[in-house]
Amino acid sequence: RARQAPRPSQSRCARKGSDHGGRGRGIARRIMASGLDVTDLGGGVLALGRPWSGRTESAARRNNVRDAAQFLEQRHAHRFLLLNLAGGQQPALFEAFPFSFQVLESDLEANPSLEGVFALCQASRHWLELRRDNVLVVTCNNGAHGARLFVAVLFAFLGRSASTHEALQLFYRARLGHDEPLDRLLARMQPSVRQFLDRAQAVITAPDLVQPKRVMFH
């Protein structure tokens, strides 16, 4: 279960100079000092390389599970929620206890659906709105492919990007270092990826189709 800690005397926004306090677009950047594969996408959302039992290999987008847990605990105490989009695997991608069980499991990467992605968007929005210094940490099998779809929909859903396509471009630029025109990026996407993003955008532009039900954290 996600736990809440007392508010620190100085917010993460003030320490790092980000746009986190206003939950705006923020500045996407890699966090290099940690030695881990982790990207700050802005607005309290981080992308994390796959946690595993081996040593950290940032170039391969894999983080030692205890290194990753220590980093999150030191930087964000009990204010982080780790969203594992590769949940439901046997054996599990990683154990939750190093992260103090502050993990939300989903099989969205293996079974993408509009219902699933918007349920996670609602849960993520609720978590980020609980406290200004809460952070959402997104991971998947390889630290990129599963996360790209979710982050693209999430940022459009939260109004941080004008569309799922624009959010996808932001993710590729920040997380993977691919800075190319949007039309070229979309042209090399699998048709199923483009279709999923287009369908999600259609739902976002028709708010009555998105159920306002919230997931409660205790």
Protein backbone atom coordinates (compact mmCIF):
# COMPACT_ATOMS: atom_id res chain seq x y z
CA ARG A 1 0.00 0.00 0.00
CA ALA A 2 1.17 3.50 -0.76
CA ARG A 3 2.02 5.41 2.41
CA GLN A 4 2.29 9.13 3.00
CA ALA A 5 5.10 10.83 4.87
CA PRO A 6 4.99 14.26 6.53
CA ARG A 7 5.59 17.09 4.09
CA PRO A 8 9.29 18.04 4.02
CA SER A 9 10.29 21.59 4.87
CA GLN A 10 11.44 22.19 1.30
CA SER A 11 9.63 20.76 -1.68
CA ARG A 12 11.23 18.73 -4.45
CA CYS A 13 10.15 21.48 -6.82
CA ALA A 14 12.21 24.06 -4.94
CA ARG A 15 15.25 21.78 -4.64
CA LYS A 16 15.38 20.83 -8.30
CA GLY A 17 13.89 23.92 -9.94
CA SER A 18 11.33 21.97 -11.91
CA ASP A 19 7.78 22.80 -12.92
CA HIS A 20 6.49 20.14 -10.56
CA GLY A 21 4.66 22.44 -8.18
CA GLY A 22 2.26 23.62 -10.86
CA ARG A 23 1.96 20.18 -12.43
CA GLY A 24 2.80 21.75 -15.78
CA ARG A 25 4.77 20.30 -18.65
CA GLY A 26 8.03 20.38 -16.70
CA ILE A 27 11.45 19.78 -18.21
CA ALA A 28 12.22 16.23 -19.26
CA ARG A 29 15.80 15.19 -18.46
CA ARG A 30 17.96 12.25 -17.51
CA ILE A 31 19.06 11.94 -13.89
CA MET A 32 22.71 11.08 -14.44
CA ALA A 33 24.25 11.44 -10.97
CA SER A 34 22.55 8.30 -9.68
CA GLY A 35 24.20 5.99 -12.20
CA LEU A 36 20.78 4.44 -12.79
CA ASP A 37 18.65 4.42 -15.90
CA VAL A 38 15.97 6.90 -14.86
CA THR A 39 14.44 9.84 -16.70
CA ASP A 40 12.56 12.77 -15.17
CA LEU A 41 9.75 13.47 -17.63
CA GLY A 42 8.49 16.45 -15.64
CA GLY A 43 5.44 17.05 -13.50
CA GLY A 44 6.34 14.33 -10.99
CA VAL A 45 6.56 11.49 -13.54
CA LEU A 46 9.73 9.39 -13.86
CA ALA A 47 10.56 6.61 -16.31
CA LEU A 48 12.67 3.84 -14.77
CA GLY A 49 14.67 1.08 -16.43
CA ARG A 50 13.64 -2.48 -15.66
CA PRO A 51 14.41 -3.48 -12.05
CA TRP A 52 16.19 -6.84 -11.91
CA SER A 53 18.44 -8.88 -9.62
CA GLY A 54 21.63 -8.32 -11.65
CA ARG A 55 23.92 -5.32 -11.50
CA THR A 56 22.78 -1.97 -12.83
CA GLU A 57 23.36 -1.58 -16.58
CA SER A 58 22.03 1.83 -17.51
CA ALA A 59 22.94 1.45 -21.19
CA ALA A 60 20.71 -1.65 -21.33
CA ARG A 61 17.96 0.15 -19.37
CA ARG A 62 18.23 -2.25 -16.42
CA ASN A 63 18.61 -1.27 -12.78
CA ASN A 64 19.54 -3.42 -9.85
CA VAL A 65 16.34 -3.65 -7.84
CA ARG A 66 17.97 -2.62 -4.56
CA ASP A 67 19.87 0.25 -6.21
CA ALA A 68 16.59 1.51 -7.68
CA ALA A 69 14.73 1.14 -4.37
CA GLN A 70 17.49 2.98 -2.50
CA PHE A 71 17.47 5.80 -5.04
CA LEU A 72 13.70 6.27 -4.80
CA GLU A 73 13.70 6.07 -1.01
CA GLN A 74 16.52 8.61 -0.66
CA ARG A 75 15.08 11.04 -3.19
CA HIS A 76 11.37 10.68 -2.52
CA ALA A 77 10.97 8.81 0.79
CA HIS A 78 7.43 7.39 0.92
CA ARG A 79 6.17 9.81 -1.72
CA PHE A 80 6.74 7.56 -4.75
CA LEU A 81 4.43 5.05 -6.40
CA LEU A 82 6.08 2.54 -8.74
CA LEU A 83 3.79 1.56 -11.61
CA ASN A 84 4.89 -1.76 -13.10
CA LEU A 85 3.32 -2.15 -16.53
CA ALA A 86 4.75 -5.68 -16.86
CA GLY A 87 2.79 -7.08 -13.93
CA GLY A 88 1.21 -10.50 -13.98
CA GLN A 89 4.31 -12.28 -15.25
CA GLN A 90 5.47 -15.58 -13.83
CA PRO A 91 8.01 -15.29 -12.37
CA ALA A 92 7.39 -11.70 -11.35
CA LEU A 93 9.54 -9.00 -12.95
CA PHE A 94 10.74 -7.98 -9.47
CA GLU A 95 9.72 -8.23 -5.83
CA ALA A 96 7.75 -5.37 -4.29
CA PHE A 97 9.24 -5.47 -0.80
CA PRO A 98 12.47 -3.53 -1.62
CA PHE A 99 10.14 -0.68 -2.63
CA SER A 100 8.22 -0.91 0.66
CA PHE A 101 5.33 -2.44 -1.34
CA GLN A 102 4.64 0.96 -2.93
CA VAL A 103 4.04 -0.79 -6.24
CA LEU A 104 0.98 -0.80 -8.48
CA GLU A 105 0.94 -3.83 -10.78
CA SER A 106 -0.65 -3.84 -14.23
CA ASP A 107 -0.44 -6.13 -17.25
CA LEU A 108 -1.02 -3.22 -19.64
CA GLU A 109 2.19 -3.91 -21.56
CA ALA A 110 1.09 -7.44 -22.49
CA ASN A 111 -2.63 -6.66 -22.75
CA PRO A 112 -3.11 -3.04 -23.82
CA SER A 113 -6.70 -1.80 -23.68
CA LEU A 114 -8.41 1.57 -23.48
CA GLU A 115 -10.19 0.53 -20.31
CA GLY A 116 -6.91 -0.49 -18.72
CA VAL A 117 -4.94 2.58 -19.72
CA PHE A 118 -7.60 5.03 -18.55
CA ALA A 119 -8.02 3.20 -15.24
CA LEU A 120 -4.29 3.71 -14.70
CA CYS A 121 -4.52 7.33 -15.81
CA GLN A 122 -7.24 7.97 -13.24
CA ALA A 123 -5.20 6.25 -10.52
CA SER A 124 -2.08 8.19 -11.50
CA ARG A 125 -3.87 11.52 -11.49
CA HIS A 126 -5.29 10.78 -8.07
CA TRP A 127 -1.86 9.83 -6.71
CA LEU A 128 -0.21 12.97 -8.09
CA GLU A 129 -2.98 15.16 -6.71
CA LEU A 130 -2.81 13.70 -3.19
CA ARG A 131 0.36 15.69 -2.46
CA ARG A 132 2.36 18.15 -4.51
CA ASP A 133 5.57 16.19 -3.86
CA ASN A 134 4.23 12.75 -4.82
CA VAL A 135 5.96 11.16 -7.79
CA LEU A 136 4.86 8.44 -10.19
CA VAL A 137 7.58 6.07 -11.39
CA VAL A 138 6.78 4.08 -14.54
CA THR A 139 8.62 0.90 -15.50
CA CYS A 140 8.12 -2.00 -17.90
CA ASN A 141 9.95 -4.96 -19.40
CA ASN A 142 12.64 -2.95 -21.17
CA GLY A 143 12.11 0.48 -19.64
CA ALA A 144 10.71 1.98 -22.83
CA HIS A 145 8.20 0.18 -25.05
CA GLY A 146 5.44 -0.37 -22.52
CA ALA A 147 6.08 2.95 -20.82
CA ARG A 148 5.89 4.95 -24.07
CA LEU A 149 2.24 4.11 -24.68
CA PHE A 150 1.14 4.77 -21.13
CA VAL A 151 3.06 8.03 -20.76
CA ALA A 152 1.77 9.26 -24.13
CA VAL A 153 -1.82 8.70 -23.03
CA LEU A 154 -1.23 9.94 -19.47
CA PHE A 155 0.30 13.27 -20.51
CA ALA A 156 -2.49 13.94 -22.98
CA PHE A 157 -5.06 12.89 -20.36
CA LEU A 158 -3.55 15.28 -17.80
CA GLY A 159 -3.37 18.11 -20.34
CA ARG A 160 0.43 18.28 -20.24
CA SER A 161 0.65 17.57 -23.96
CA ALA A 162 -1.70 18.72 -26.70
CA SER A 163 -2.15 15.15 -27.94
CA THR A 164 -1.01 11.58 -27.46
CA HIS A 165 1.22 12.02 -30.53
CA GLU A 166 2.95 15.07 -29.05
CA ALA A 167 3.42 13.23 -25.75
CA LEU A 168 4.93 10.26 -27.56
CA GLN A 169 7.43 12.57 -29.23
CA LEU A 170 8.34 14.05 -25.84
CA PHE A 171 8.91 10.57 -24.44
CA TYR A 172 11.16 9.54 -27.33
CA ARG A 173 13.17 12.74 -27.07
CA ALA A 174 13.63 12.62 -23.30
CA ARG A 175 13.82 8.91 -22.63
CA LEU A 176 15.49 7.56 -25.76
CA GLY A 177 17.28 10.61 -27.15
CA HIS A 178 15.43 10.42 -30.48
CA ASP A 179 14.82 13.97 -31.66
CA GLU A 180 13.02 13.70 -34.98
CA PRO A 181 9.96 15.30 -36.58
CA LEU A 182 6.67 13.94 -35.36
CA ASP A 183 5.52 12.77 -38.78
CA ARG A 184 8.71 10.74 -39.24
CA LEU A 185 8.39 9.25 -35.76
CA LEU A 186 4.79 8.19 -36.38
CA ALA A 187 5.65 6.79 -39.80
CA ARG A 188 7.97 4.22 -38.28
CA MET A 189 5.58 3.26 -35.49
CA GLN A 190 3.73 -0.03 -35.75
CA PRO A 191 0.17 0.50 -37.04
CA SER A 192 -1.18 -0.97 -33.81
CA VAL A 193 0.67 1.69 -31.78
CA ARG A 194 -0.70 4.54 -33.90
CA GLN A 195 -4.21 3.10 -33.75
CA PHE A 196 -4.06 2.77 -29.97
CA LEU A 197 -2.89 6.36 -29.54
CA ASP A 198 -5.55 7.65 -31.96
CA ARG A 199 -8.31 5.77 -30.12
CA ALA A 200 -7.08 7.07 -26.79
CA GLN A 201 -6.99 10.63 -28.14
CA ALA A 202 -10.58 10.26 -29.33
CA VAL A 203 -11.62 9.32 -25.80
CA ILE A 204 -9.68 12.21 -24.27
CA THR A 205 -11.38 14.72 -26.57
CA ALA A 206 -14.77 13.35 -25.50
CA PRO A 207 -14.50 13.64 -21.69
CA ASP A 208 -17.92 12.08 -21.07
CA LEU A 209 -16.46 8.79 -22.29
CA VAL A 210 -13.88 8.74 -19.46
CA GLN A 211 -15.33 7.44 -16.22
CA PRO A 212 -14.48 9.76 -13.30
CA LYS A 213 -14.11 6.90 -10.82
CA ARG A 214 -10.98 7.25 -8.71
CA VAL A 215 -8.71 4.62 -7.20
CA MET A 216 -8.21 5.29 -3.50
CA PHE A 217 -4.82 4.91 -1.81
CA HIS A 218 -4.59 4.31 1.90
